[in-house]
Amino acid sequence: MKKYDFHSHLGKTRSGDDNSAAQMVEQLGAYGIERVGIVSLSQNSMRENNDVVAAAMREFPDFVVGYADIDPKDPGAFDEIDRTLGDLGMRGVKFMSWKHGYSVENCPQLESVVDAIAHYGVHIQIHGGASPLCTPYIWTRFARKHPETDFVFTHACGREFGTTCIELIRDIPNFSVETSANEEMDILREAVRTLGSERVLFGTDWPYKPTNIEVDKIFELGLSDRQLEDVLHSNAERIWNGAAA
């Protein structure tokens, strides 16, 4: 069965460990992963982060799907949206509010930035949990405003907001969750029960989490073959192709 990793990274880790696109492709490929969506958050600027991803896309075009790092507070955000989603052909945007230092409830620039991204027909993924800056509530408003755009909570919002985020997005069909770095099996099973397997995406959070554990836990959820296909690759294919649920 095909495996597409919907959420991973490239660039130095928080502890300073370096990595490369070739290393990522080799290590993920060892576990049968055939494609990966990546964002970089390790460089000194939004543009530098996106250049790292663009280089990986050029080096491994059949393996790497690029996501843009966009800081809504940055005066260059709109130009970078046009460059990454237009010129470079990236297939999504990652918002990491704790990395960029803003509260999503108190960032007036965010709405116009989301509007500009929605114009390109790509998905928007949000780091939920792990910080009081990463609460999930405000994002439901943006998802309802843009029903044609797919939204994804990475890590299913972690232990902090996992159950909350599932309940919040229950009736928002263009909102999904991704599994990486969330080892709370009850939360992941609840995501499948409440949202359906069509709204749950497999990810590994490489290089931060052990790939074998991220893969194995999906097979411990007790899913049918059809549900496994949804989670492991079909949902990623649909969202990367820009078709909202």
Protein backbone atom coordinates (compact mmCIF):
# COMPACT_ATOMS: atom_id res chain seq x y z
CA MET A 1 0.00 0.00 0.00
CA LYS A 2 1.34 3.43 -0.94
CA LYS A 3 2.48 5.76 1.82
CA TYR A 4 2.61 9.53 1.36
CA ASP A 5 3.99 11.54 4.27
CA PHE A 6 1.86 14.68 4.45
CA HIS A 7 3.89 16.56 7.04
CA SER A 8 7.66 16.71 7.49
CA HIS A 9 10.48 19.25 7.61
CA LEU A 10 13.88 20.08 6.15
CA GLY A 11 16.67 22.11 7.71
CA LYS A 12 18.53 22.08 11.01
CA THR A 13 16.58 20.78 13.96
CA ARG A 14 15.99 22.83 17.10
CA SER A 15 18.98 21.06 18.66
CA GLY A 16 21.18 22.13 15.74
CA ASP A 17 21.41 18.79 13.92
CA ASP A 18 21.80 19.23 10.18
CA ASN A 19 20.10 17.19 7.47
CA SER A 20 19.66 17.11 3.71
CA ALA A 21 17.01 16.32 1.15
CA ALA A 22 18.95 13.22 0.09
CA GLN A 23 19.03 12.00 3.70
CA MET A 24 15.30 12.60 4.06
CA VAL A 25 14.45 10.73 0.86
CA GLU A 26 16.65 7.78 1.84
CA GLN A 27 15.33 7.49 5.39
CA LEU A 28 11.66 7.88 4.52
CA GLY A 29 12.03 5.59 1.50
CA ALA A 30 13.35 2.86 3.81
CA TYR A 31 9.84 2.68 5.29
CA GLY A 32 8.05 2.56 1.96
CA ILE A 33 7.19 6.26 1.84
CA GLU A 34 7.05 7.40 -1.78
CA ARG A 35 6.26 11.12 -1.45
CA VAL A 36 6.60 13.72 1.27
CA GLY A 37 5.27 17.22 1.87
CA ILE A 38 7.82 19.46 3.57
CA VAL A 39 8.27 22.91 5.03
CA SER A 40 11.44 24.47 6.40
CA LEU A 41 11.35 26.58 9.57
CA SER A 42 15.05 26.58 10.46
CA GLN A 43 16.49 29.49 8.50
CA ASN A 44 16.78 33.16 9.38
CA SER A 45 13.96 34.37 7.17
CA MET A 46 10.75 33.28 5.53
CA ARG A 47 12.35 33.53 2.07
CA GLU A 48 15.39 31.47 3.09
CA ASN A 49 13.14 28.76 4.50
CA ASN A 50 11.25 28.59 1.23
CA ASP A 51 14.44 28.50 -0.82
CA VAL A 52 15.49 25.35 1.06
CA VAL A 53 12.22 23.67 0.12
CA ALA A 54 12.40 24.87 -3.49
CA ALA A 55 15.88 23.35 -3.84
CA ALA A 56 14.60 20.00 -2.53
CA MET A 57 11.70 20.12 -5.00
CA ARG A 58 14.16 20.60 -7.87
CA GLU A 59 16.47 17.84 -6.63
CA PHE A 60 13.70 15.26 -6.04
CA PRO A 61 10.70 16.37 -8.10
CA ASP A 62 8.92 13.00 -7.92
CA PHE A 63 9.34 12.69 -4.16
CA VAL A 64 9.10 16.16 -2.63
CA VAL A 65 5.96 18.30 -2.42
CA GLY A 66 6.80 21.78 -1.19
CA TYR A 67 4.95 23.90 1.36
CA ALA A 68 5.59 27.60 1.92
CA ASP A 69 6.50 29.12 5.26
CA ILE A 70 4.45 32.32 5.54
CA ASP A 71 4.67 34.77 8.44
CA PRO A 72 1.56 37.01 8.26
CA LYS A 73 3.38 39.77 10.18
CA ASP A 74 6.16 40.01 7.63
CA PRO A 75 5.76 42.97 5.22
CA GLY A 76 6.91 40.65 2.42
CA ALA A 77 4.23 38.01 3.07
CA PHE A 78 2.15 38.79 -0.02
CA ASP A 79 5.15 38.84 -2.36
CA GLU A 80 6.30 35.54 -0.86
CA ILE A 81 2.85 34.00 -1.35
CA ASP A 82 3.01 34.92 -5.04
CA ARG A 83 6.59 33.65 -5.40
CA THR A 84 6.11 30.31 -3.63
CA LEU A 85 2.62 29.39 -4.76
CA GLY A 86 2.85 30.98 -8.19
CA ASP A 87 6.42 30.93 -9.49
CA LEU A 88 7.70 27.93 -7.48
CA GLY A 89 4.54 25.80 -7.58
CA MET A 90 4.35 24.89 -3.90
CA ARG A 91 1.22 22.99 -2.92
CA GLY A 92 0.44 24.35 0.53
CA VAL A 93 1.25 26.84 3.27
CA LYS A 94 2.29 26.15 6.86
CA PHE A 95 1.40 28.55 9.68
CA MET A 96 3.53 28.20 12.82
CA SER A 97 2.45 30.99 15.14
CA TRP A 98 4.78 30.13 18.01
CA LYS A 99 7.77 30.07 15.66
CA HIS A 100 6.91 33.51 14.27
CA GLY A 101 5.76 34.92 17.59
CA TYR A 102 2.12 35.90 17.28
CA SER A 103 -1.21 34.86 18.71
CA VAL A 104 -3.68 33.76 16.06
CA GLU A 105 -6.47 35.44 18.02
CA ASN A 106 -4.63 38.77 17.89
CA CYS A 107 -3.07 38.98 14.42
CA PRO A 108 -5.10 41.36 12.22
CA GLN A 109 -2.89 40.65 9.19
CA LEU A 110 -3.91 37.00 9.14
CA GLU A 111 -7.26 37.37 7.39
CA SER A 112 -5.97 39.12 4.27
CA VAL A 113 -3.03 36.71 4.10
CA VAL A 114 -5.38 33.70 4.21
CA ASP A 115 -7.52 35.34 1.51
CA ALA A 116 -4.45 35.70 -0.72
CA ILE A 117 -3.45 32.05 -0.22
CA ALA A 118 -6.97 30.82 -0.96
CA HIS A 119 -6.70 32.45 -4.39
CA TYR A 120 -4.10 29.82 -5.35
CA GLY A 121 -6.25 26.78 -4.52
CA VAL A 122 -3.70 25.15 -2.20
CA HIS A 123 -4.25 23.83 1.30
CA ILE A 124 -3.42 25.60 4.56
CA GLN A 125 -1.92 23.66 7.43
CA ILE A 126 -1.72 24.89 10.99
CA HIS A 127 0.49 23.80 13.85
CA GLY A 128 -1.94 23.20 16.69
CA GLY A 129 -1.03 22.48 20.29
CA ALA A 130 2.36 22.64 22.07
CA SER A 131 2.03 26.36 22.77
CA PRO A 132 -0.60 28.79 24.07
CA LEU A 133 -0.03 30.69 20.81
CA CYS A 134 -1.32 27.71 18.79
CA THR A 135 -4.96 27.45 19.86
CA PRO A 136 -7.28 26.02 17.19
CA TYR A 137 -10.40 28.14 17.63
CA ILE A 138 -9.89 31.07 15.23
CA TRP A 139 -9.07 28.80 12.30
CA THR A 140 -12.61 27.49 12.05
CA ARG A 141 -13.75 30.96 11.01
CA PHE A 142 -11.26 31.04 8.14
CA ALA A 143 -12.24 27.52 7.04
CA ARG A 144 -15.92 28.45 6.96
CA LYS A 145 -15.12 31.60 4.98
CA HIS A 146 -13.16 29.56 2.40
CA PRO A 147 -15.04 26.26 1.93
CA GLU A 148 -13.13 25.67 -1.32
CA THR A 149 -9.81 25.57 0.58
CA ASP A 150 -8.56 22.56 2.54
CA PHE A 151 -7.36 23.27 6.09
CA VAL A 152 -5.34 20.77 8.12
CA PHE A 153 -4.39 20.75 11.81
CA THR A 154 -0.98 19.10 12.03
CA HIS A 155 -0.40 16.65 14.89
CA ALA A 156 -4.20 16.60 15.38
CA CYS A 157 -3.45 19.52 17.73
CA GLY A 158 -1.48 17.28 20.10
CA ARG A 159 -2.54 16.24 23.58
CA GLU A 160 -3.34 19.85 24.43
CA PHE A 161 -6.17 20.39 21.95
CA GLY A 162 -6.64 17.02 20.23
CA THR A 163 -10.15 16.22 21.42
CA THR A 164 -11.15 19.88 21.21
CA CYS A 165 -10.00 20.33 17.62
CA ILE A 166 -11.83 17.19 16.46
CA GLU A 167 -15.06 18.45 17.98
CA LEU A 168 -14.49 21.96 16.60
CA ILE A 169 -14.12 20.80 13.01
CA ARG A 170 -16.67 17.97 13.07
CA ASP A 171 -19.09 19.89 10.85
CA ILE A 172 -16.51 21.67 8.68
CA PRO A 173 -15.90 19.24 5.78
CA ASN A 174 -12.85 21.10 4.39
CA PHE A 175 -10.96 20.71 7.68
CA SER A 176 -8.80 17.62 8.35
CA VAL A 177 -6.18 16.47 10.84
CA GLU A 178 -2.71 14.98 10.41
CA THR A 179 -1.31 12.27 12.67
CA SER A 180 2.41 12.88 13.27
CA ALA A 181 3.86 13.41 16.76
CA ASN A 182 0.53 12.59 18.39
CA GLU A 183 0.96 9.32 20.24
CA GLU A 184 -2.44 9.52 21.95
CA MET A 185 -4.11 6.59 20.22
CA ASP A 186 -7.50 7.43 21.69
CA ILE A 187 -7.35 10.86 20.01
CA LEU A 188 -6.36 9.37 16.65
CA ARG A 189 -9.12 6.75 16.83
CA GLU A 190 -11.60 9.44 17.76
CA ALA A 191 -10.48 11.47 14.74
CA VAL A 192 -11.32 8.57 12.42
CA ARG A 193 -14.64 7.87 14.17
CA THR A 194 -15.80 11.49 14.23
CA LEU A 195 -14.33 12.93 11.03
CA GLY A 196 -14.13 9.78 8.92
CA SER A 197 -10.98 8.32 7.41
CA GLU A 198 -11.34 10.79 4.52
CA ARG A 199 -10.25 13.61 6.84
CA VAL A 200 -7.22 12.03 8.54
CA LEU A 201 -3.74 12.22 6.96
CA PHE A 202 -0.58 10.28 7.75
CA GLY A 203 2.59 12.22 8.53
CA THR A 204 5.93 11.52 10.22
CA ASP A 205 7.26 14.96 11.27
CA TRP A 206 10.71 13.91 9.99
CA PRO A 207 13.40 14.47 11.29
CA TYR A 208 11.88 15.11 14.71
CA LYS A 209 10.05 11.84 15.32
CA PRO A 210 11.03 8.18 14.74
CA THR A 211 9.62 7.21 11.36
CA ASN A 212 9.02 3.58 12.34
CA ILE A 213 6.76 4.61 15.23
CA GLU A 214 4.82 7.08 13.09
CA VAL A 215 4.22 4.35 10.50
CA ASP A 216 3.48 1.52 12.93
CA LYS A 217 0.91 3.46 14.94
CA ILE A 218 -1.30 3.88 11.84
CA PHE A 219 -1.50 0.11 11.50
CA GLU A 220 -2.42 -0.17 15.21
CA LEU A 221 -5.56 1.94 14.79
CA GLY A 222 -7.62 -1.05 13.60
CA LEU A 223 -8.55 0.50 10.26
CA SER A 224 -9.97 -1.34 7.27
CA ASP A 225 -7.95 -1.51 4.06
CA ARG A 226 -10.05 1.25 2.53
CA GLN A 227 -9.56 3.47 5.57
CA LEU A 228 -5.82 2.79 5.49
CA GLU A 229 -5.70 3.85 1.85
CA ASP A 230 -7.46 7.11 2.75
CA VAL A 231 -5.10 7.90 5.60
CA LEU A 232 -1.85 6.72 4.03
CA HIS A 233 -2.14 8.24 0.56
CA SER A 234 -5.54 9.00 -1.00
CA ASN A 235 -6.28 12.05 1.14
CA ALA A 236 -2.84 13.51 0.48
CA GLU A 237 -3.30 13.04 -3.25
CA ARG A 238 -6.63 14.82 -3.16
CA ILE A 239 -5.40 17.76 -1.10
CA TRP A 240 -2.17 18.15 -3.05
CA ASN A 241 -4.30 18.32 -6.19
CA GLY A 242 -6.28 21.18 -4.65
CA ALA A 243 -9.72 19.59 -4.35
CA ALA A 244 -11.43 20.49 -1.08
CA ALA A 245 -13.57 17.84 0.57
